[in-house]
Structure formats: structure tokens, C-alpha cells
C-alpha atoms as a PDB file:
ATOM      1  CA  MET A   1       0.000   0.000   0.000  1.00  0.00           C
ATOM      2  CA  ASP A   2       1.380   3.418  -0.876  1.00  0.00           C
ATOM      3  CA  GLY A   3       0.892   6.666   1.030  1.00  0.00           C
ATOM      4  CA  TYR A   4      -2.027   7.750  -1.111  1.00  0.00           C
ATOM      5  CA  GLU A   5      -3.951   4.549  -0.405  1.00  0.00           C
ATOM      6  CA  ALA A   6      -3.072   4.774   3.296  1.00  0.00           C
ATOM      7  CA  THR A   7      -4.412   8.336   3.324  1.00  0.00           C
ATOM      8  CA  ARG A   8      -7.647   7.293   1.606  1.00  0.00           C
ATOM      9  CA  ARG A   9      -8.193   4.496   4.125  1.00  0.00           C
ATOM     10  CA  MET A  10      -7.425   6.796   7.049  1.00  0.00           C
ATOM     11  CA  ARG A  11      -9.929   9.360   5.773  1.00  0.00           C
ATOM     12  CA  LEU A  12     -12.608   6.682   5.338  1.00  0.00           C
ATOM     13  CA  TRP A  13     -11.995   5.419   8.876  1.00  0.00           C
ATOM     14  CA  GLU A  14     -12.121   8.959  10.315  1.00  0.00           C
ATOM     15  CA  GLN A  15     -15.428   9.591   8.541  1.00  0.00           C
ATOM     16  CA  SER A  16     -16.948   6.286   9.663  1.00  0.00           C
ATOM     17  CA  GLN A  17     -15.965   7.012  13.265  1.00  0.00           C
ATOM     18  CA  GLY A  18     -17.040  10.664  13.215  1.00  0.00           C
ATOM     19  CA  ARG A  19     -13.455  11.754  13.853  1.00  0.00           C
ATOM     20  CA  THR A  20     -11.786  15.032  12.994  1.00  0.00           C
ATOM     21  CA  ALA A  21      -9.355  14.720  10.086  1.00  0.00           C
ATOM     22  CA  THR A  22      -5.754  14.132  11.143  1.00  0.00           C
ATOM     23  CA  PRO A  23      -3.342  16.431   9.291  1.00  0.00           C
ATOM     24  CA  ILE A  24      -1.430  14.463   6.654  1.00  0.00           C
ATOM     25  CA  LEU A  25       1.522  16.072   4.885  1.00  0.00           C
ATOM     26  CA  ALA A  26       2.597  14.387   1.654  1.00  0.00           C
ATOM     27  CA  LEU A  27       6.351  14.391   1.004  1.00  0.00           C
ATOM     28  CA  THR A  28       7.514  13.572  -2.504  1.00  0.00           C
ATOM     29  CA  ALA A  29      10.510  14.059  -4.751  1.00  0.00           C
ATOM     30  CA  SER A  30       8.232  14.627  -7.735  1.00  0.00           C
ATOM     31  CA  ALA A  31       8.066  18.141  -9.142  1.00  0.00           C
ATOM     32  CA  MET A  32       5.052  17.348 -11.301  1.00  0.00           C
ATOM     33  CA  GLU A  33       1.800  19.196 -10.673  1.00  0.00           C
ATOM     34  CA  ALA A  34      -0.085  15.917 -11.187  1.00  0.00           C
ATOM     35  CA  GLU A  35       1.498  14.558  -7.997  1.00  0.00           C
ATOM     36  CA  LEU A  36       0.175  17.530  -6.017  1.00  0.00           C
ATOM     37  CA  GLN A  37      -3.302  16.866  -7.368  1.00  0.00           C
ATOM     38  CA  LYS A  38      -2.989  13.141  -6.608  1.00  0.00           C
ATOM     39  CA  ALA A  39      -2.037  13.902  -2.991  1.00  0.00           C
ATOM     40  CA  LEU A  40      -4.908  16.322  -2.494  1.00  0.00           C
ATOM     41  CA  GLU A  41      -7.419  13.943  -4.113  1.00  0.00           C
ATOM     42  CA  ALA A  42      -6.258  11.176  -1.769  1.00  0.00           C
ATOM     43  CA  GLY A  43      -7.050  13.439   1.189  1.00  0.00           C
ATOM     44  CA  CYS A  44      -3.655  14.867   2.113  1.00  0.00           C
ATOM     45  CA  THR A  45      -3.799  18.154   3.973  1.00  0.00           C
ATOM     46  CA  ALA A  46      -0.663  19.613   2.428  1.00  0.00           C
ATOM     47  CA  TYR A  47       2.155  18.732   0.072  1.00  0.00           C
ATOM     48  CA  LEU A  48       5.913  19.308   0.353  1.00  0.00           C
ATOM     49  CA  ARG A  49       8.553  18.575  -2.254  1.00  0.00           C
ATOM     50  CA  LYS A  50      11.808  16.898  -1.272  1.00  0.00           C
ATOM     51  CA  PRO A  51      14.392  17.813  -0.315  1.00  0.00           C
ATOM     52  CA  VAL A  52      12.614  19.535   2.562  1.00  0.00           C
ATOM     53  CA  ARG A  53      14.433  21.856   4.911  1.00  0.00           C
ATOM     54  CA  LEU A  54      13.755  21.215   8.584  1.00  0.00           C
ATOM     55  CA  MET A  55      12.295  24.688   9.143  1.00  0.00           C
ATOM     56  CA  THR A  56       9.968  24.270   6.159  1.00  0.00           C
ATOM     57  CA  LEU A  57       8.706  20.971   7.552  1.00  0.00           C
ATOM     58  CA  LEU A  58       8.216  22.386  11.053  1.00  0.00           C
ATOM     59  CA  GLU A  59       6.370  25.414   9.688  1.00  0.00           C
ATOM     60  CA  ALA A  60       4.079  23.145   7.664  1.00  0.00           C
ATOM     61  CA  VAL A  61       3.355  20.970  10.697  1.00  0.00           C
ATOM     62  CA  ASN A  62       2.629  24.033  12.830  1.00  0.00           C
ATOM     63  CA  ARG A  63       0.173  25.370  10.224  1.00  0.00           C
ATOM     64  CA  HIS A  64      -1.935  22.224  10.493  1.00  0.00           C
ATOM     65  CA  VAL A  65      -2.004  21.348  14.203  1.00  0.00           C
ATOM     66  CA  LYS A  66      -3.801  22.853  17.173  1.00  0.00           C
ATOM     67  CA  PRO A  67      -1.926  25.643  18.987  1.00  0.00           C
ATOM     68  CA  ALA A  68      -1.224  23.399  22.000  1.00  0.00           C
ATOM     69  CA  GLN A  69       0.468  20.849  19.688  1.00  0.00           C
ATOM     70  CA  ARG A  70       2.764  23.294  17.902  1.00  0.00           C
ATOM     71  CA  ILE A  71       6.502  22.746  17.831  1.00  0.00           C
ATOM     72  CA  VAL A  72       8.542  25.598  19.250  1.00  0.00           C
ATOM     73  CA  VAL A  73      11.595  26.378  17.129  1.00  0.00           C
END
């Protein structure tokens, strides 16, 4: 199972259980716009292209979590 399928299954489970969507950040080496669309269609919250700088990753995580869960950098 790839990350897109795992994301789809997670989203289905969250919906069936009445859960709030867990933030999912897709990380890929692909620079193609089709990959961004594929990630979003699968249910990913955001998309980052590799290589990813640590600060970029932390900023992306902080944008998608509750204030109490944010990472202080």
C-alpha cells in the first residue's frame, strides 16, 4: 500500500468514526503538478517537495495542528 492509499483508508476510517481529520503532509521528490493533485485527491492536507528543509517541515506541521500541539523552534 502506498501513502495515497493509506491516506484514503485513514480518511474513510475517520469519517466512519465521526473523527476530525488528522493532518497528513505528503512528502515527494516529484516536481510534477499531477502529484500535487494526486495527494490532495487522496485526502492529504498539504504537500511538500523533497528535499525539505527542517524549518519548512516544522512550519508546515505548525500550520496544520492545534496551537497546544505546535513545535517551538
